[in-house]
Amino acid sequence: MANEVSKNEGGRLPSIFSHDPFSSFREEMNGLIDRAFGRGFLDMPGFGRFGAGQIAPSVDLHESDKEYSLTAELPGLDEKDIDLSVHEGVMTLKGEKRYEKTDEKDKARIVERHYGSFQRVFTLPSDVDDEKIAAKFDKGVLTVTMPKRAGAKPASRQIAIGKG
């Protein structure tokens, strides 16, 4: 898979935070597991469980006056293992962390690291200039810079509420 940021030609959705209807359920289940097996049972550095055997990279999102910046931890991956694309205001980060067996006679006794395919989807704010999105990958960390369009205003407004 190659690093690629494709052109966005469609409409946009208002927020970079995609709503996850299962987040509170996941938090409650993680709390039950933590109480049963000890804190941090599923909280491995870099990759964590995302539910039903899926893995997901940990990300940070920051905003400044001029840009948004997303940083994702992708330990053990190379650029060729990552696919980054933008389509109709949605940025998708996909990849795969493969289990590397060095010897056929080698039998793993403990495997705590997470392996498999992952996908994270982010709805971009309407003021992102998708033509200028850039990404770099260094030491297992992907940094995506999303400049804001000059003069763009956030897509939000106050709505008056009237009586019946």
N, C-alpha and C. Protein backbone atom coordinates (compact mmCIF):
# COMPACT_ATOMS: atom_id res chain seq x y z
N MET A 1 0.85 -1.18 0.00
CA MET A 1 0.00 0.00 0.00
C MET A 1 0.88 1.23 0.00
N ALA A 2 0.52 2.21 -0.74
CA ALA A 2 1.33 3.42 -0.85
C ALA A 2 0.67 4.56 -0.11
N ASN A 3 1.51 5.49 0.34
CA ASN A 3 0.95 6.71 0.93
C ASN A 3 0.34 7.53 -0.19
N GLU A 4 -0.90 7.94 -0.01
CA GLU A 4 -1.55 8.69 -1.06
C GLU A 4 -2.63 9.56 -0.44
N VAL A 5 -2.65 10.79 -0.85
CA VAL A 5 -3.75 11.67 -0.45
C VAL A 5 -4.46 12.04 -1.74
N SER A 6 -5.68 11.54 -1.92
CA SER A 6 -6.40 11.79 -3.15
C SER A 6 -7.26 13.05 -3.04
N LYS A 7 -7.64 13.59 -4.17
CA LYS A 7 -8.39 14.84 -4.23
C LYS A 7 -9.82 14.65 -3.74
N ASN A 8 -10.28 15.57 -2.95
CA ASN A 8 -11.66 15.58 -2.47
C ASN A 8 -12.48 16.43 -3.43
N GLU A 9 -13.51 15.83 -4.02
CA GLU A 9 -14.31 16.58 -4.97
C GLU A 9 -15.78 16.69 -4.56
N GLY A 10 -16.10 16.23 -3.37
CA GLY A 10 -17.50 16.23 -2.99
C GLY A 10 -17.80 17.14 -1.83
N GLY A 11 -18.95 16.94 -1.22
CA GLY A 11 -19.37 17.72 -0.06
C GLY A 11 -18.57 17.35 1.17
N ARG A 12 -18.77 18.09 2.22
CA ARG A 12 -18.02 17.86 3.45
C ARG A 12 -18.98 17.70 4.61
N LEU A 13 -18.50 17.02 5.63
CA LEU A 13 -19.22 16.90 6.88
C LEU A 13 -18.52 17.79 7.90
N PRO A 14 -19.20 18.25 8.94
CA PRO A 14 -18.68 19.33 9.76
C PRO A 14 -17.58 19.02 10.76
N SER A 15 -17.27 17.79 11.10
CA SER A 15 -16.34 17.57 12.19
C SER A 15 -15.34 16.48 11.88
N ILE A 16 -14.13 16.61 12.42
CA ILE A 16 -13.12 15.58 12.23
C ILE A 16 -13.35 14.40 13.16
N PHE A 17 -14.22 14.57 14.15
CA PHE A 17 -14.49 13.51 15.10
C PHE A 17 -15.71 12.73 14.63
N SER A 18 -15.50 11.49 14.19
CA SER A 18 -16.62 10.66 13.79
C SER A 18 -17.30 10.13 15.02
N HIS A 19 -18.63 10.19 15.06
CA HIS A 19 -19.38 9.70 16.21
C HIS A 19 -19.33 8.18 16.22
N ASP A 20 -19.00 7.61 17.35
CA ASP A 20 -18.97 6.17 17.52
C ASP A 20 -20.06 5.78 18.50
N PRO A 21 -21.15 5.17 18.03
CA PRO A 21 -22.26 4.85 18.92
C PRO A 21 -21.91 3.80 19.97
N PHE A 22 -20.82 3.09 19.80
CA PHE A 22 -20.45 2.03 20.72
C PHE A 22 -19.37 2.46 21.72
N SER A 23 -18.95 3.73 21.71
CA SER A 23 -17.85 4.15 22.57
C SER A 23 -18.17 3.98 24.05
N SER A 24 -19.37 4.35 24.49
CA SER A 24 -19.68 4.20 25.91
C SER A 24 -19.77 2.72 26.29
N PHE A 25 -20.30 1.89 25.41
CA PHE A 25 -20.35 0.45 25.67
C PHE A 25 -18.94 -0.11 25.78
N ARG A 26 -18.05 0.31 24.85
CA ARG A 26 -16.66 -0.16 24.86
C ARG A 26 -15.97 0.26 26.15
N GLU A 27 -16.19 1.51 26.60
CA GLU A 27 -15.58 1.98 27.84
C GLU A 27 -16.07 1.17 29.04
N GLU A 28 -17.36 0.85 29.06
CA GLU A 28 -17.92 0.06 30.16
C GLU A 28 -17.32 -1.35 30.16
N MET A 29 -17.21 -1.95 29.00
CA MET A 29 -16.62 -3.29 28.90
C MET A 29 -15.14 -3.27 29.30
N ASN A 30 -14.41 -2.25 28.87
CA ASN A 30 -13.01 -2.13 29.27
C ASN A 30 -12.89 -2.01 30.78
N GLY A 31 -13.82 -1.27 31.41
CA GLY A 31 -13.82 -1.15 32.86
C GLY A 31 -14.04 -2.50 33.54
N LEU A 32 -14.96 -3.31 33.01
CA LEU A 32 -15.19 -4.64 33.56
C LEU A 32 -13.94 -5.51 33.44
N ILE A 33 -13.31 -5.46 32.28
CA ILE A 33 -12.09 -6.26 32.06
C ILE A 33 -10.97 -5.77 32.97
N ASP A 34 -10.83 -4.44 33.12
CA ASP A 34 -9.81 -3.89 34.01
C ASP A 34 -10.01 -4.38 35.45
N ARG A 35 -11.27 -4.38 35.90
CA ARG A 35 -11.54 -4.84 37.27
C ARG A 35 -11.26 -6.33 37.43
N ALA A 36 -11.51 -7.11 36.39
CA ALA A 36 -11.32 -8.56 36.47
C ALA A 36 -9.85 -8.97 36.31
N PHE A 37 -9.14 -8.33 35.38
CA PHE A 37 -7.79 -8.77 35.04
C PHE A 37 -6.69 -7.77 35.39
N GLY A 38 -7.06 -6.60 35.85
CA GLY A 38 -6.06 -5.59 36.18
C GLY A 38 -6.05 -4.48 35.14
N ARG A 39 -5.71 -3.29 35.58
CA ARG A 39 -5.69 -2.10 34.72
C ARG A 39 -4.72 -2.28 33.56
N GLY A 40 -5.15 -1.88 32.38
CA GLY A 40 -4.26 -1.89 31.22
C GLY A 40 -4.22 -3.20 30.47
N PHE A 41 -5.14 -4.12 30.75
CA PHE A 41 -5.13 -5.42 30.09
C PHE A 41 -5.20 -5.28 28.57
N LEU A 42 -6.01 -4.36 28.08
CA LEU A 42 -6.14 -4.16 26.63
C LEU A 42 -5.44 -2.91 26.14
N ASP A 43 -4.77 -2.17 27.04
CA ASP A 43 -4.14 -0.91 26.66
C ASP A 43 -2.67 -1.12 26.33
N MET A 44 -2.38 -1.63 25.17
CA MET A 44 -1.00 -1.84 24.75
C MET A 44 -0.51 -0.57 24.06
N PRO A 45 0.80 -0.25 24.17
CA PRO A 45 1.31 0.96 23.53
C PRO A 45 1.13 0.93 22.01
N GLY A 46 0.78 2.05 21.43
CA GLY A 46 0.69 2.17 19.97
C GLY A 46 -0.60 1.64 19.42
N PHE A 47 -0.78 0.34 19.45
CA PHE A 47 -2.00 -0.28 18.95
C PHE A 47 -2.82 -0.76 20.12
N GLY A 48 -4.12 -0.60 20.03
CA GLY A 48 -5.00 -1.10 21.07
C GLY A 48 -6.15 -1.84 20.44
N ARG A 49 -6.87 -2.56 21.26
CA ARG A 49 -8.05 -3.27 20.76
C ARG A 49 -9.12 -2.26 20.43
N PHE A 50 -9.79 -2.46 19.31
CA PHE A 50 -10.83 -1.55 18.86
C PHE A 50 -12.18 -2.23 18.93
N GLY A 51 -12.20 -3.47 19.35
CA GLY A 51 -13.45 -4.23 19.44
C GLY A 51 -13.44 -5.41 18.50
N ALA A 52 -13.97 -6.53 18.94
CA ALA A 52 -14.12 -7.75 18.15
C ALA A 52 -12.84 -8.15 17.43
N GLY A 53 -11.69 -8.09 18.11
CA GLY A 53 -10.44 -8.54 17.53
C GLY A 53 -9.77 -7.55 16.60
N GLN A 54 -10.36 -6.39 16.39
CA GLN A 54 -9.76 -5.38 15.52
C GLN A 54 -8.70 -4.60 16.28
N ILE A 55 -7.73 -4.09 15.55
CA ILE A 55 -6.73 -3.20 16.16
C ILE A 55 -6.90 -1.81 15.58
N ALA A 56 -6.45 -0.82 16.31
CA ALA A 56 -6.55 0.57 15.84
C ALA A 56 -5.38 1.36 16.40
N PRO A 57 -4.72 2.15 15.54
CA PRO A 57 -3.61 2.96 16.05
C PRO A 57 -4.11 4.09 16.93
N SER A 58 -3.30 4.43 17.93
CA SER A 58 -3.61 5.58 18.79
C SER A 58 -3.32 6.85 18.01
N VAL A 59 -4.19 7.85 18.13
CA VAL A 59 -4.00 9.10 17.40
C VAL A 59 -4.16 10.30 18.33
N ASP A 60 -3.49 11.39 17.98
CA ASP A 60 -3.66 12.69 18.61
C ASP A 60 -4.09 13.66 17.53
N LEU A 61 -4.98 14.56 17.86
CA LEU A 61 -5.44 15.58 16.91
C LEU A 61 -5.26 16.94 17.55
N HIS A 62 -4.61 17.84 16.84
CA HIS A 62 -4.38 19.20 17.33
C HIS A 62 -4.87 20.20 16.30
N GLU A 63 -5.25 21.40 16.78
CA GLU A 63 -5.68 22.47 15.89
C GLU A 63 -4.95 23.74 16.27
N SER A 64 -4.47 24.45 15.25
CA SER A 64 -3.90 25.78 15.45
C SER A 64 -4.71 26.74 14.57
N ASP A 65 -4.31 28.00 14.55
CA ASP A 65 -5.01 28.98 13.71
C ASP A 65 -4.89 28.64 12.23
N LYS A 66 -3.80 27.98 11.83
CA LYS A 66 -3.53 27.75 10.41
C LYS A 66 -3.77 26.33 9.92
N GLU A 67 -3.82 25.34 10.86
CA GLU A 67 -3.92 23.96 10.40
C GLU A 67 -4.40 23.01 11.49
N TYR A 68 -4.78 21.82 11.04
CA TYR A 68 -5.05 20.69 11.91
C TYR A 68 -3.88 19.73 11.73
N SER A 69 -3.56 19.01 12.78
CA SER A 69 -2.47 18.04 12.71
C SER A 69 -2.90 16.76 13.39
N LEU A 70 -2.78 15.65 12.67
CA LEU A 70 -3.12 14.35 13.22
C LEU A 70 -1.84 13.53 13.30
N THR A 71 -1.58 12.95 14.45
CA THR A 71 -0.41 12.11 14.64
C THR A 71 -0.90 10.72 15.05
N ALA A 72 -0.40 9.70 14.35
CA ALA A 72 -0.80 8.32 14.64
C ALA A 72 0.43 7.48 14.93
N GLU A 73 0.36 6.70 16.00
CA GLU A 73 1.44 5.77 16.32
C GLU A 73 1.24 4.49 15.53
N LEU A 74 2.24 4.13 14.75
CA LEU A 74 2.18 2.93 13.91
C LEU A 74 3.46 2.11 14.09
N PRO A 75 3.73 1.64 15.30
CA PRO A 75 4.98 0.92 15.54
C PRO A 75 5.05 -0.38 14.75
N GLY A 76 6.23 -0.66 14.23
CA GLY A 76 6.44 -1.90 13.49
C GLY A 76 5.99 -1.86 12.05
N LEU A 77 5.54 -0.72 11.55
CA LEU A 77 5.09 -0.61 10.16
C LEU A 77 6.08 0.21 9.35
N ASP A 78 6.06 0.00 8.04
CA ASP A 78 6.80 0.81 7.08
C ASP A 78 5.79 1.61 6.27
N GLU A 79 6.30 2.60 5.51
CA GLU A 79 5.40 3.41 4.68
C GLU A 79 4.57 2.56 3.74
N LYS A 80 5.15 1.47 3.24
CA LYS A 80 4.44 0.61 2.28
C LYS A 80 3.26 -0.13 2.90
N ASP A 81 3.21 -0.19 4.24
CA ASP A 81 2.13 -0.87 4.94
C ASP A 81 0.95 0.06 5.23
N ILE A 82 1.08 1.33 4.85
CA ILE A 82 0.08 2.35 5.22
C ILE A 82 -0.58 2.92 3.96
N ASP A 83 -1.89 3.11 4.04
CA ASP A 83 -2.64 3.75 2.96
C ASP A 83 -3.43 4.91 3.56
N LEU A 84 -3.18 6.11 3.08
CA LEU A 84 -3.87 7.31 3.56
C LEU A 84 -4.56 7.96 2.38
N SER A 85 -5.86 8.18 2.48
CA SER A 85 -6.59 8.78 1.37
C SER A 85 -7.66 9.73 1.88
N VAL A 86 -8.08 10.66 1.00
CA VAL A 86 -9.16 11.60 1.31
C VAL A 86 -10.14 11.52 0.17
N HIS A 87 -11.43 11.39 0.52
CA HIS A 87 -12.48 11.35 -0.50
C HIS A 87 -13.74 11.96 0.09
N GLU A 88 -14.26 12.99 -0.56
CA GLU A 88 -15.50 13.66 -0.17
C GLU A 88 -15.50 14.06 1.30
N GLY A 89 -14.41 14.68 1.74
CA GLY A 89 -14.35 15.20 3.09
C GLY A 89 -14.10 14.18 4.18
N VAL A 90 -13.73 12.97 3.80
CA VAL A 90 -13.45 11.90 4.76
C VAL A 90 -12.04 11.38 4.52
N MET A 91 -11.22 11.39 5.58
CA MET A 91 -9.86 10.87 5.49
C MET A 91 -9.84 9.46 6.08
N THR A 92 -9.25 8.53 5.34
CA THR A 92 -9.18 7.14 5.77
C THR A 92 -7.72 6.73 5.92
N LEU A 93 -7.41 6.17 7.08
CA LEU A 93 -6.08 5.64 7.37
C LEU A 93 -6.22 4.13 7.49
N LYS A 94 -5.58 3.40 6.58
CA LYS A 94 -5.65 1.94 6.58
C LYS A 94 -4.24 1.37 6.61
N GLY A 95 -4.13 0.16 7.08
CA GLY A 95 -2.84 -0.51 7.07
C GLY A 95 -2.95 -1.91 7.60
N GLU A 96 -1.79 -2.55 7.67
CA GLU A 96 -1.74 -3.91 8.19
C GLU A 96 -0.43 -4.14 8.90
N LYS A 97 -0.53 -4.67 10.10
CA LYS A 97 0.66 -5.06 10.87
C LYS A 97 0.71 -6.58 10.82
N ARG A 98 1.73 -7.10 10.14
CA ARG A 98 1.82 -8.53 9.90
C ARG A 98 2.68 -9.22 10.97
N TYR A 99 2.28 -10.43 11.31
CA TYR A 99 3.06 -11.26 12.22
C TYR A 99 4.23 -11.83 11.42
N GLU A 100 5.43 -11.62 11.91
CA GLU A 100 6.62 -12.09 11.20
C GLU A 100 7.21 -13.28 11.92
N LYS A 101 7.07 -14.43 11.30
CA LYS A 101 7.63 -15.65 11.86
C LYS A 101 8.97 -15.88 11.18
N THR A 102 10.02 -15.95 11.97
CA THR A 102 11.37 -16.05 11.40
C THR A 102 11.78 -17.48 11.10
N ASP A 103 11.20 -18.45 11.80
CA ASP A 103 11.61 -19.84 11.64
C ASP A 103 10.38 -20.73 11.76
N GLU A 104 10.22 -21.69 10.87
CA GLU A 104 9.06 -22.58 10.90
C GLU A 104 9.04 -23.42 12.17
N LYS A 105 10.20 -23.69 12.76
CA LYS A 105 10.27 -24.49 13.98
C LYS A 105 9.95 -23.66 15.22
N ASP A 106 9.94 -22.35 15.06
CA ASP A 106 9.67 -21.43 16.18
C ASP A 106 8.20 -21.50 16.57
N LYS A 107 7.95 -21.80 17.83
CA LYS A 107 6.58 -21.84 18.34
C LYS A 107 6.46 -20.75 19.40
N ALA A 108 5.59 -19.79 19.15
CA ALA A 108 5.41 -18.68 20.08
C ALA A 108 4.81 -19.18 21.39
N ARG A 109 5.37 -18.74 22.50
CA ARG A 109 4.86 -19.09 23.82
C ARG A 109 3.93 -18.00 24.34
N ILE A 110 4.29 -16.75 24.07
CA ILE A 110 3.48 -15.61 24.48
C ILE A 110 3.44 -14.63 23.31
N VAL A 111 2.27 -14.18 22.93
CA VAL A 111 2.12 -13.16 21.90
C VAL A 111 1.21 -12.09 22.48
N GLU A 112 1.81 -10.96 22.89
CA GLU A 112 1.05 -9.86 23.47
C GLU A 112 0.85 -8.71 22.49
N ARG A 113 1.66 -8.65 21.44
CA ARG A 113 1.51 -7.57 20.48
C ARG A 113 0.33 -7.86 19.56
N HIS A 114 -0.27 -6.80 19.04
CA HIS A 114 -1.45 -6.92 18.19
C HIS A 114 -1.04 -6.94 16.72
N TYR A 115 -1.69 -7.79 15.94
CA TYR A 115 -1.42 -7.91 14.51
C TYR A 115 -2.74 -7.89 13.76
N GLY A 116 -2.67 -7.52 12.49
CA GLY A 116 -3.85 -7.55 11.64
C GLY A 116 -4.04 -6.23 10.91
N SER A 117 -5.14 -6.15 10.21
CA SER A 117 -5.48 -4.96 9.43
C SER A 117 -6.21 -3.96 10.33
N PHE A 118 -6.08 -2.69 9.99
CA PHE A 118 -6.80 -1.66 10.72
C PHE A 118 -7.30 -0.61 9.76
N GLN A 119 -8.29 0.13 10.21
CA GLN A 119 -8.81 1.27 9.44
C GLN A 119 -9.39 2.28 10.41
N ARG A 120 -8.98 3.53 10.28
CA ARG A 120 -9.54 4.63 11.04
C ARG A 120 -10.11 5.63 10.03
N VAL A 121 -11.30 6.16 10.30
CA VAL A 121 -11.97 7.08 9.39
C VAL A 121 -12.24 8.38 10.15
N PHE A 122 -11.88 9.52 9.53
CA PHE A 122 -12.04 10.82 10.15
C PHE A 122 -12.80 11.74 9.19
N THR A 123 -13.88 12.35 9.66
CA THR A 123 -14.61 13.33 8.88
C THR A 123 -13.89 14.66 9.05
N LEU A 124 -13.49 15.27 7.96
CA LEU A 124 -12.71 16.50 8.01
C LEU A 124 -13.59 17.73 8.18
N PRO A 125 -13.10 18.73 8.91
CA PRO A 125 -13.84 19.99 9.00
C PRO A 125 -13.93 20.66 7.63
N SER A 126 -14.95 21.47 7.44
CA SER A 126 -15.17 22.09 6.13
C SER A 126 -14.09 23.10 5.74
N ASP A 127 -13.29 23.57 6.70
CA ASP A 127 -12.27 24.57 6.36
C ASP A 127 -10.91 23.96 6.00
N VAL A 128 -10.81 22.63 5.89
CA VAL A 128 -9.55 22.00 5.49
C VAL A 128 -9.34 22.17 3.99
N ASP A 129 -8.13 22.59 3.61
CA ASP A 129 -7.75 22.68 2.20
C ASP A 129 -7.17 21.33 1.80
N ASP A 130 -8.03 20.43 1.31
CA ASP A 130 -7.62 19.06 1.03
C ASP A 130 -6.57 18.94 -0.06
N GLU A 131 -6.42 19.96 -0.89
CA GLU A 131 -5.39 19.95 -1.93
C GLU A 131 -3.99 20.06 -1.33
N LYS A 132 -3.89 20.56 -0.09
CA LYS A 132 -2.59 20.79 0.53
C LYS A 132 -2.30 19.86 1.71
N ILE A 133 -3.10 18.82 1.88
CA ILE A 133 -2.84 17.86 2.95
C ILE A 133 -1.52 17.15 2.65
N ALA A 134 -0.69 17.02 3.67
CA ALA A 134 0.61 16.36 3.51
C ALA A 134 0.81 15.38 4.65
N ALA A 135 1.60 14.33 4.39
CA ALA A 135 1.88 13.34 5.42
C ALA A 135 3.35 12.97 5.40
N LYS A 136 3.89 12.70 6.60
CA LYS A 136 5.25 12.19 6.70
C LYS A 136 5.27 11.07 7.72
N PHE A 137 6.19 10.14 7.55
CA PHE A 137 6.29 8.97 8.41
C PHE A 137 7.72 8.84 8.88
N ASP A 138 7.91 8.86 10.21
CA ASP A 138 9.26 8.79 10.77
C ASP A 138 9.23 8.03 12.08
N LYS A 139 10.07 7.01 12.19
CA LYS A 139 10.23 6.23 13.43
C LYS A 139 8.91 5.70 13.97
N GLY A 140 8.06 5.20 13.08
CA GLY A 140 6.79 4.60 13.50
C GLY A 140 5.68 5.59 13.82
N VAL A 141 5.90 6.86 13.49
CA VAL A 141 4.88 7.88 13.76
C VAL A 141 4.49 8.56 12.45
N LEU A 142 3.19 8.53 12.14
CA LEU A 142 2.66 9.20 10.96
C LEU A 142 2.11 10.55 11.39
N THR A 143 2.54 11.62 10.71
CA THR A 143 2.04 12.96 10.99
C THR A 143 1.36 13.48 9.73
N VAL A 144 0.08 13.82 9.86
CA VAL A 144 -0.70 14.35 8.74
C VAL A 144 -1.01 15.81 9.05
N THR A 145 -0.60 16.70 8.15
CA THR A 145 -0.84 18.13 8.30
C THR A 145 -1.95 18.53 7.33
N MET A 146 -2.99 19.18 7.89
CA MET A 146 -4.17 19.56 7.10
C MET A 146 -4.36 21.07 7.22
N PRO A 147 -3.78 21.85 6.29
CA PRO A 147 -3.91 23.31 6.35
C PRO A 147 -5.36 23.76 6.20
N LYS A 148 -5.67 24.86 6.88
CA LYS A 148 -6.99 25.47 6.73
C LYS A 148 -6.98 26.39 5.52
N ARG A 149 -8.12 26.49 4.84
CA ARG A 149 -8.26 27.41 3.72
C ARG A 149 -8.21 28.84 4.23
N ALA A 150 -7.52 29.70 3.52
CA ALA A 150 -7.44 31.12 3.91
C ALA A 150 -8.84 31.73 3.92
N GLY A 151 -9.18 32.40 5.00
CA GLY A 151 -10.46 33.09 5.11
C GLY A 151 -11.65 32.19 5.37
N ALA A 152 -11.41 30.88 5.51
CA ALA A 152 -12.53 29.96 5.76
C ALA A 152 -13.03 30.12 7.19
N LYS A 153 -14.32 30.03 7.35
CA LYS A 153 -14.92 30.11 8.67
C LYS A 153 -15.50 28.75 9.02
N PRO A 154 -15.51 28.41 10.31
CA PRO A 154 -16.09 27.12 10.70
C PRO A 154 -17.55 27.02 10.25
N ALA A 155 -17.96 25.83 9.86
CA ALA A 155 -19.33 25.60 9.39
C ALA A 155 -20.26 25.36 10.57
N SER A 156 -20.52 26.41 11.32
CA SER A 156 -21.46 26.29 12.43
C SER A 156 -22.16 27.62 12.63
N ARG A 157 -23.35 27.57 13.21
CA ARG A 157 -24.10 28.78 13.51
C ARG A 157 -25.08 28.46 14.62
N GLN A 158 -25.52 29.48 15.31
CA GLN A 158 -26.51 29.35 16.37
C GLN A 158 -27.88 29.32 15.73
N ILE A 159 -28.74 28.43 16.17
CA ILE A 159 -30.09 28.31 15.63
C ILE A 159 -31.07 28.76 16.71
N ALA A 160 -31.90 29.73 16.37
CA ALA A 160 -32.91 30.23 17.31
C ALA A 160 -34.03 29.20 17.48
N ILE A 161 -34.50 29.05 18.69
CA ILE A 161 -35.57 28.12 18.98
C ILE A 161 -36.81 28.91 19.34
N GLY A 162 -37.86 28.74 18.56
CA GLY A 162 -39.11 29.46 18.80
C GLY A 162 -40.13 28.60 19.53
N LYS A 163 -41.22 29.22 19.97
CA LYS A 163 -42.30 28.48 20.64
C LYS A 163 -43.20 27.84 19.61
N GLY A 164 -43.73 26.66 19.99
CA GLY A 164 -44.65 25.82 19.25
C GLY A 164 -45.31 26.42 18.13
